[in-house]
Amino acid sequence: MKLTYLPIDKLFVDKTNMRYGQKPDVSDILPTVRKRGVMQTLLVKPANDDGMFGIVAGSRRFRASSLVA
């Protein structure tokens, strides 16, 4: 396993994510993400050779951070 910081525009919700195709409610975590940022890492996997990464776990954190950004 490797910890890497990725730009938000290189991420997307992967089909293997349990919330794929949904727009999850992030109202409960949005104030915390605004105040402190995302504290728990996202689990991603490389999509192709195009530099994109699919989010396997953490789609709610991703959506909340996209709203804040």
PDB file of N, CA and C in Angstrom:
ATOM      1  N   MET A   1       0.842  -1.164   0.000  1.00  0.00           N
ATOM      2  CA  MET A   1       0.000   0.000   0.000  1.00  0.00           C
ATOM      3  C   MET A   1       0.891   1.232   0.000  1.00  0.00           C
ATOM      4  N   LYS A   2       0.405   2.288  -0.679  1.00  0.00           N
ATOM      5  CA  LYS A   2       1.193   3.489  -0.823  1.00  0.00           C
ATOM      6  C   LYS A   2       0.293   4.704  -0.601  1.00  0.00           C
ATOM      7  N   LEU A   3       0.759   5.672   0.173  1.00  0.00           N
ATOM      8  CA  LEU A   3       0.022   6.906   0.407  1.00  0.00           C
ATOM      9  C   LEU A   3       0.506   7.956  -0.584  1.00  0.00           C
ATOM     10  N   THR A   4      -0.421   8.466  -1.391  1.00  0.00           N
ATOM     11  CA  THR A   4      -0.092   9.460  -2.405  1.00  0.00           C
ATOM     12  C   THR A   4      -1.168  10.538  -2.401  1.00  0.00           C
ATOM     13  N   TYR A   5      -0.753  11.772  -2.547  1.00  0.00           N
ATOM     14  CA  TYR A   5      -1.703  12.875  -2.668  1.00  0.00           C
ATOM     15  C   TYR A   5      -2.045  13.048  -4.144  1.00  0.00           C
ATOM     16  N   LEU A   6      -3.355  13.026  -4.447  1.00  0.00           N
ATOM     17  CA  LEU A   6      -3.815  13.128  -5.826  1.00  0.00           C
ATOM     18  C   LEU A   6      -4.689  14.366  -5.992  1.00  0.00           C
ATOM     19  N   PRO A   7      -4.620  15.012  -7.142  1.00  0.00           N
ATOM     20  CA  PRO A   7      -5.527  16.128  -7.396  1.00  0.00           C
ATOM     21  C   PRO A   7      -6.964  15.617  -7.521  1.00  0.00           C
ATOM     22  N   ILE A   8      -7.903  16.429  -7.094  1.00  0.00           N
ATOM     23  CA  ILE A   8      -9.307  16.012  -7.075  1.00  0.00           C
ATOM     24  C   ILE A   8      -9.845  15.757  -8.480  1.00  0.00           C
ATOM     25  N   ASP A   9      -9.276  16.407  -9.477  1.00  0.00           N
ATOM     26  CA  ASP A   9      -9.760  16.211 -10.846  1.00  0.00           C
ATOM     27  C   ASP A   9      -9.275  14.901 -11.464  1.00  0.00           C
ATOM     28  N   LYS A  10      -8.441  14.156 -10.768  1.00  0.00           N
ATOM     29  CA  LYS A  10      -7.965  12.853 -11.241  1.00  0.00           C
ATOM     30  C   LYS A  10      -8.756  11.699 -10.629  1.00  0.00           C
ATOM     31  N   LEU A  11      -9.819  12.014  -9.862  1.00  0.00           N
ATOM     32  CA  LEU A  11     -10.597  10.988  -9.164  1.00  0.00           C
ATOM     33  C   LEU A  11     -12.003  10.874  -9.730  1.00  0.00           C
ATOM     34  N   PHE A  12     -12.545   9.672  -9.666  1.00  0.00           N
ATOM     35  CA  PHE A  12     -13.943   9.422 -10.007  1.00  0.00           C
ATOM     36  C   PHE A  12     -14.417   8.238  -9.174  1.00  0.00           C
ATOM     37  N   VAL A  13     -15.727   8.101  -9.010  1.00  0.00           N
ATOM     38  CA  VAL A  13     -16.286   6.991  -8.234  1.00  0.00           C
ATOM     39  C   VAL A  13     -16.309   5.761  -9.131  1.00  0.00           C
ATOM     40  N   ASP A  14     -15.603   4.728  -8.701  1.00  0.00           N
ATOM     41  CA  ASP A  14     -15.468   3.494  -9.471  1.00  0.00           C
ATOM     42  C   ASP A  14     -16.738   2.642  -9.373  1.00  0.00           C
ATOM     43  N   LYS A  15     -16.938   1.764 -10.341  1.00  0.00           N
ATOM     44  CA  LYS A  15     -18.103   0.873 -10.353  1.00  0.00           C
ATOM     45  C   LYS A  15     -18.109  -0.084  -9.162  1.00  0.00           C
ATOM     46  N   THR A  16     -16.955  -0.378  -8.599  1.00  0.00           N
ATOM     47  CA  THR A  16     -16.886  -1.296  -7.466  1.00  0.00           C
ATOM     48  C   THR A  16     -17.286  -0.635  -6.144  1.00  0.00           C
ATOM     49  N   ASN A  17     -17.461   0.686  -6.148  1.00  0.00           N
ATOM     50  CA  ASN A  17     -17.880   1.405  -4.947  1.00  0.00           C
ATOM     51  C   ASN A  17     -19.349   1.110  -4.682  1.00  0.00           C
ATOM     52  N   MET A  18     -19.698   0.889  -3.421  1.00  0.00           N
ATOM     53  CA  MET A  18     -21.079   0.526  -3.097  1.00  0.00           C
ATOM     54  C   MET A  18     -22.072   1.657  -3.363  1.00  0.00           C
ATOM     55  N   ARG A  19     -21.594   2.887  -3.484  1.00  0.00           N
ATOM     56  CA  ARG A  19     -22.484   4.019  -3.769  1.00  0.00           C
ATOM     57  C   ARG A  19     -22.373   4.491  -5.224  1.00  0.00           C
ATOM     58  N   TYR A  20     -21.877   3.648  -6.087  1.00  0.00           N
ATOM     59  CA  TYR A  20     -21.749   3.988  -7.499  1.00  0.00           C
ATOM     60  C   TYR A  20     -23.138   4.243  -8.079  1.00  0.00           C
ATOM     61  N   GLY A  21     -23.283   5.317  -8.829  1.00  0.00           N
ATOM     62  CA  GLY A  21     -24.558   5.634  -9.468  1.00  0.00           C
ATOM     63  C   GLY A  21     -25.530   6.360  -8.559  1.00  0.00           C
ATOM     64  N   GLN A  22     -25.156   6.622  -7.318  1.00  0.00           N
ATOM     65  CA  GLN A  22     -26.010   7.333  -6.376  1.00  0.00           C
ATOM     66  C   GLN A  22     -25.427   8.709  -6.099  1.00  0.00           C
ATOM     67  N   LYS A  23     -26.253   9.575  -5.603  1.00  0.00           N
ATOM     68  CA  LYS A  23     -25.775  10.865  -5.122  1.00  0.00           C
ATOM     69  C   LYS A  23     -25.994  10.841  -3.609  1.00  0.00           C
ATOM     70  N   PRO A  24     -24.990  10.392  -2.842  1.00  0.00           N
ATOM     71  CA  PRO A  24     -25.186  10.201  -1.407  1.00  0.00           C
ATOM     72  C   PRO A  24     -25.368  11.523  -0.658  1.00  0.00           C
ATOM     73  N   ASP A  25     -26.122  11.453   0.424  1.00  0.00           N
ATOM     74  CA  ASP A  25     -26.338  12.609   1.282  1.00  0.00           C
ATOM     75  C   ASP A  25     -25.079  12.836   2.120  1.00  0.00           C
ATOM     76  N   VAL A  26     -24.480  14.007   1.995  1.00  0.00           N
ATOM     77  CA  VAL A  26     -23.247  14.321   2.722  1.00  0.00           C
ATOM     78  C   VAL A  26     -23.465  15.433   3.747  1.00  0.00           C
ATOM     79  N   SER A  27     -24.739  15.764   4.026  1.00  0.00           N
ATOM     80  CA  SER A  27     -25.023  16.881   4.926  1.00  0.00           C
ATOM     81  C   SER A  27     -24.480  16.655   6.337  1.00  0.00           C
ATOM     82  N   ASP A  28     -24.348  15.405   6.753  1.00  0.00           N
ATOM     83  CA  ASP A  28     -23.841  15.127   8.097  1.00  0.00           C
ATOM     84  C   ASP A  28     -22.323  15.303   8.210  1.00  0.00           C
ATOM     85  N   ILE A  29     -21.585  15.102   7.135  1.00  0.00           N
ATOM     86  CA  ILE A  29     -20.123  15.234   7.204  1.00  0.00           C
ATOM     87  C   ILE A  29     -19.609  16.529   6.600  1.00  0.00           C
ATOM     88  N   LEU A  30     -20.470  17.265   5.909  1.00  0.00           N
ATOM     89  CA  LEU A  30     -20.045  18.490   5.234  1.00  0.00           C
ATOM     90  C   LEU A  30     -19.468  19.548   6.175  1.00  0.00           C
ATOM     91  N   PRO A  31     -20.072  19.816   7.344  1.00  0.00           N
ATOM     92  CA  PRO A  31     -19.460  20.809   8.243  1.00  0.00           C
ATOM     93  C   PRO A  31     -18.053  20.430   8.707  1.00  0.00           C
ATOM     94  N   THR A  32     -17.834  19.164   8.966  1.00  0.00           N
ATOM     95  CA  THR A  32     -16.517  18.704   9.406  1.00  0.00           C
ATOM     96  C   THR A  32     -15.488  18.818   8.282  1.00  0.00           C
ATOM     97  N   VAL A  33     -15.888  18.461   7.074  1.00  0.00           N
ATOM     98  CA  VAL A  33     -14.969  18.568   5.937  1.00  0.00           C
ATOM     99  C   VAL A  33     -14.631  20.030   5.676  1.00  0.00           C
ATOM    100  N   ARG A  34     -15.618  20.909   5.833  1.00  0.00           N
ATOM    101  CA  ARG A  34     -15.342  22.346   5.663  1.00  0.00           C
ATOM    102  C   ARG A  34     -14.363  22.857   6.711  1.00  0.00           C
ATOM    103  N   LYS A  35     -14.527  22.385   7.933  1.00  0.00           N
ATOM    104  CA  LYS A  35     -13.710  22.882   9.040  1.00  0.00           C
ATOM    105  C   LYS A  35     -12.314  22.258   9.069  1.00  0.00           C
ATOM    106  N   ARG A  36     -12.242  20.939   8.880  1.00  0.00           N
ATOM    107  CA  ARG A  36     -10.982  20.217   9.077  1.00  0.00           C
ATOM    108  C   ARG A  36     -10.413  19.564   7.830  1.00  0.00           C
ATOM    109  N   GLY A  37     -11.219  19.435   6.796  1.00  0.00           N
ATOM    110  CA  GLY A  37     -10.780  18.706   5.616  1.00  0.00           C
ATOM    111  C   GLY A  37     -11.095  17.224   5.749  1.00  0.00           C
ATOM    112  N   VAL A  38     -10.652  16.452   4.804  1.00  0.00           N
ATOM    113  CA  VAL A  38     -10.861  15.002   4.832  1.00  0.00           C
ATOM    114  C   VAL A  38      -9.762  14.388   5.684  1.00  0.00           C
ATOM    115  N   MET A  39     -10.153  13.770   6.789  1.00  0.00           N
ATOM    116  CA  MET A  39      -9.177  13.219   7.732  1.00  0.00           C
ATOM    117  C   MET A  39      -8.856  11.747   7.441  1.00  0.00           C
ATOM    118  N   GLN A  40      -9.812  11.022   6.894  1.00  0.00           N
ATOM    119  CA  GLN A  40      -9.627   9.603   6.580  1.00  0.00           C
ATOM    120  C   GLN A  40      -9.302   9.478   5.096  1.00  0.00           C
ATOM    121  N   THR A  41      -8.316   8.701   4.761  1.00  0.00           N
ATOM    122  CA  THR A  41      -7.899   8.576   3.366  1.00  0.00           C
ATOM    123  C   THR A  41      -8.955   7.863   2.521  1.00  0.00           C
ATOM    124  N   LEU A  42      -8.882   8.086   1.228  1.00  0.00           N
ATOM    125  CA  LEU A  42      -9.736   7.389   0.269  1.00  0.00           C
ATOM    126  C   LEU A  42      -8.975   6.181  -0.258  1.00  0.00           C
ATOM    127  N   LEU A  43      -9.685   5.124  -0.540  1.00  0.00           N
ATOM    128  CA  LEU A  43      -9.082   3.937  -1.142  1.00  0.00           C
ATOM    129  C   LEU A  43      -9.356   4.004  -2.640  1.00  0.00           C
ATOM    130  N   VAL A  44      -8.293   4.075  -3.424  1.00  0.00           N
ATOM    131  CA  VAL A  44      -8.437   4.210  -4.873  1.00  0.00           C
ATOM    132  C   VAL A  44      -7.629   3.135  -5.584  1.00  0.00           C
ATOM    133  N   LYS A  45      -7.961   2.951  -6.856  1.00  0.00           N
ATOM    134  CA  LYS A  45      -7.185   2.048  -7.705  1.00  0.00           C
ATOM    135  C   LYS A  45      -6.955   2.743  -9.039  1.00  0.00           C
ATOM    136  N   PRO A  46      -5.818   2.492  -9.677  1.00  0.00           N
ATOM    137  CA  PRO A  46      -5.573   3.112 -10.977  1.00  0.00           C
ATOM    138  C   PRO A  46      -6.587   2.615 -11.999  1.00  0.00           C
ATOM    139  N   ALA A  47      -7.105   3.541 -12.800  1.00  0.00           N
ATOM    140  CA  ALA A  47      -8.116   3.173 -13.793  1.00  0.00           C
ATOM    141  C   ALA A  47      -7.456   2.645 -15.064  1.00  0.00           C
ATOM    142  N   ASN A  48      -6.664   3.456 -15.682  1.00  0.00           N
ATOM    143  CA  ASN A  48      -5.958   3.095 -16.923  1.00  0.00           C
ATOM    144  C   ASN A  48      -4.617   3.798 -16.906  1.00  0.00           C
ATOM    145  N   ASP A  49      -4.014   3.882 -18.049  1.00  0.00           N
ATOM    146  CA  ASP A  49      -2.741   4.602 -18.162  1.00  0.00           C
ATOM    147  C   ASP A  49      -2.944   6.098 -18.348  1.00  0.00           C
ATOM    148  N   ASP A  50      -4.183   6.574 -18.198  1.00  0.00           N
ATOM    149  CA  ASP A  50      -4.469   7.997 -18.403  1.00  0.00           C
ATOM    150  C   ASP A  50      -4.281   8.838 -17.146  1.00  0.00           C
ATOM    151  N   GLY A  51      -3.853   8.223 -16.051  1.00  0.00           N
ATOM    152  CA  GLY A  51      -3.594   8.962 -14.825  1.00  0.00           C
ATOM    153  C   GLY A  51      -4.803   9.151 -13.940  1.00  0.00           C
ATOM    154  N   MET A  52      -5.933   8.551 -14.274  1.00  0.00           N
ATOM    155  CA  MET A  52      -7.147   8.657 -13.462  1.00  0.00           C
ATOM    156  C   MET A  52      -7.175   7.531 -12.429  1.00  0.00           C
ATOM    157  N   PHE A  53      -7.868   7.785 -11.308  1.00  0.00           N
ATOM    158  CA  PHE A  53      -7.980   6.809 -10.233  1.00  0.00           C
ATOM    159  C   PHE A  53      -9.443   6.667  -9.834  1.00  0.00           C
ATOM    160  N   GLY A  54      -9.902   5.422  -9.707  1.00  0.00           N
ATOM    161  CA  GLY A  54     -11.271   5.138  -9.295  1.00  0.00           C
ATOM    162  C   GLY A  54     -11.352   4.976  -7.795  1.00  0.00           C
ATOM    163  N   ILE A  55     -12.330   5.628  -7.179  1.00  0.00           N
ATOM    164  CA  ILE A  55     -12.523   5.547  -5.732  1.00  0.00           C
ATOM    165  C   ILE A  55     -13.276   4.268  -5.404  1.00  0.00           C
ATOM    166  N   VAL A  56     -12.635   3.400  -4.650  1.00  0.00           N
ATOM    167  CA  VAL A  56     -13.237   2.144  -4.222  1.00  0.00           C
ATOM    168  C   VAL A  56     -13.970   2.354  -2.898  1.00  0.00           C
ATOM    169  N   ALA A  57     -13.409   3.146  -2.002  1.00  0.00           N
ATOM    170  CA  ALA A  57     -14.035   3.458  -0.716  1.00  0.00           C
ATOM    171  C   ALA A  57     -13.799   4.930  -0.401  1.00  0.00           C
ATOM    172  N   GLY A  58     -14.888   5.627  -0.056  1.00  0.00           N
ATOM    173  CA  GLY A  58     -14.773   7.034   0.317  1.00  0.00           C
ATOM    174  C   GLY A  58     -15.515   7.984  -0.597  1.00  0.00           C
ATOM    175  N   SER A  59     -16.572   7.509  -1.255  1.00  0.00           N
ATOM    176  CA  SER A  59     -17.276   8.383  -2.198  1.00  0.00           C
ATOM    177  C   SER A  59     -17.979   9.538  -1.494  1.00  0.00           C
ATOM    178  N   ARG A  60     -18.463   9.336  -0.280  1.00  0.00           N
ATOM    179  CA  ARG A  60     -19.100  10.442   0.450  1.00  0.00           C
ATOM    180  C   ARG A  60     -18.085  11.519   0.805  1.00  0.00           C
ATOM    181  N   ARG A  61     -16.899  11.102   1.245  1.00  0.00           N
ATOM    182  CA  ARG A  61     -15.842  12.072   1.544  1.00  0.00           C
ATOM    183  C   ARG A  61     -15.429  12.822   0.283  1.00  0.00           C
ATOM    184  N   PHE A  62     -15.371  12.107  -0.830  1.00  0.00           N
ATOM    185  CA  PHE A  62     -15.029  12.717  -2.108  1.00  0.00           C
ATOM    186  C   PHE A  62     -16.082  13.752  -2.518  1.00  0.00           C
ATOM    187  N   ARG A  63     -17.362  13.407  -2.403  1.00  0.00           N
ATOM    188  CA  ARG A  63     -18.432  14.331  -2.777  1.00  0.00           C
ATOM    189  C   ARG A  63     -18.441  15.557  -1.868  1.00  0.00           C
ATOM    190  N   ALA A  64     -18.225  15.342  -0.576  1.00  0.00           N
ATOM    191  CA  ALA A  64     -18.186  16.472   0.356  1.00  0.00           C
ATOM    192  C   ALA A  64     -17.009  17.392   0.051  1.00  0.00           C
ATOM    193  N   SER A  65     -15.848  16.818  -0.226  1.00  0.00           N
ATOM    194  CA  SER A  65     -14.692  17.655  -0.545  1.00  0.00           C
ATOM    195  C   SER A  65     -14.861  18.359  -1.882  1.00  0.00           C
ATOM    196  N   SER A  66     -15.569  17.745  -2.823  1.00  0.00           N
ATOM    197  CA  SER A  66     -15.843  18.414  -4.102  1.00  0.00           C
ATOM    198  C   SER A  66     -16.745  19.622  -3.898  1.00  0.00           C
ATOM    199  N   LEU A  67     -17.700  19.501  -2.999  1.00  0.00           N
ATOM    200  CA  LEU A  67     -18.575  20.643  -2.705  1.00  0.00           C
ATOM    201  C   LEU A  67     -17.819  21.774  -2.025  1.00  0.00           C
ATOM    202  N   VAL A  68     -16.914  21.424  -1.143  1.00  0.00           N
ATOM    203  CA  VAL A  68     -16.116  22.437  -0.431  1.00  0.00           C
ATOM    204  C   VAL A  68     -15.137  23.115  -1.377  1.00  0.00           C
ATOM    205  N   ALA A  69     -14.537  22.330  -2.263  1.00  0.00           N
ATOM    206  CA  ALA A  69     -13.558  22.884  -3.204  1.00  0.00           C
ATOM    207  C   ALA A  69     -14.252  23.789  -4.177  1.00  0.00           C
TER     208      ALA A  69
END
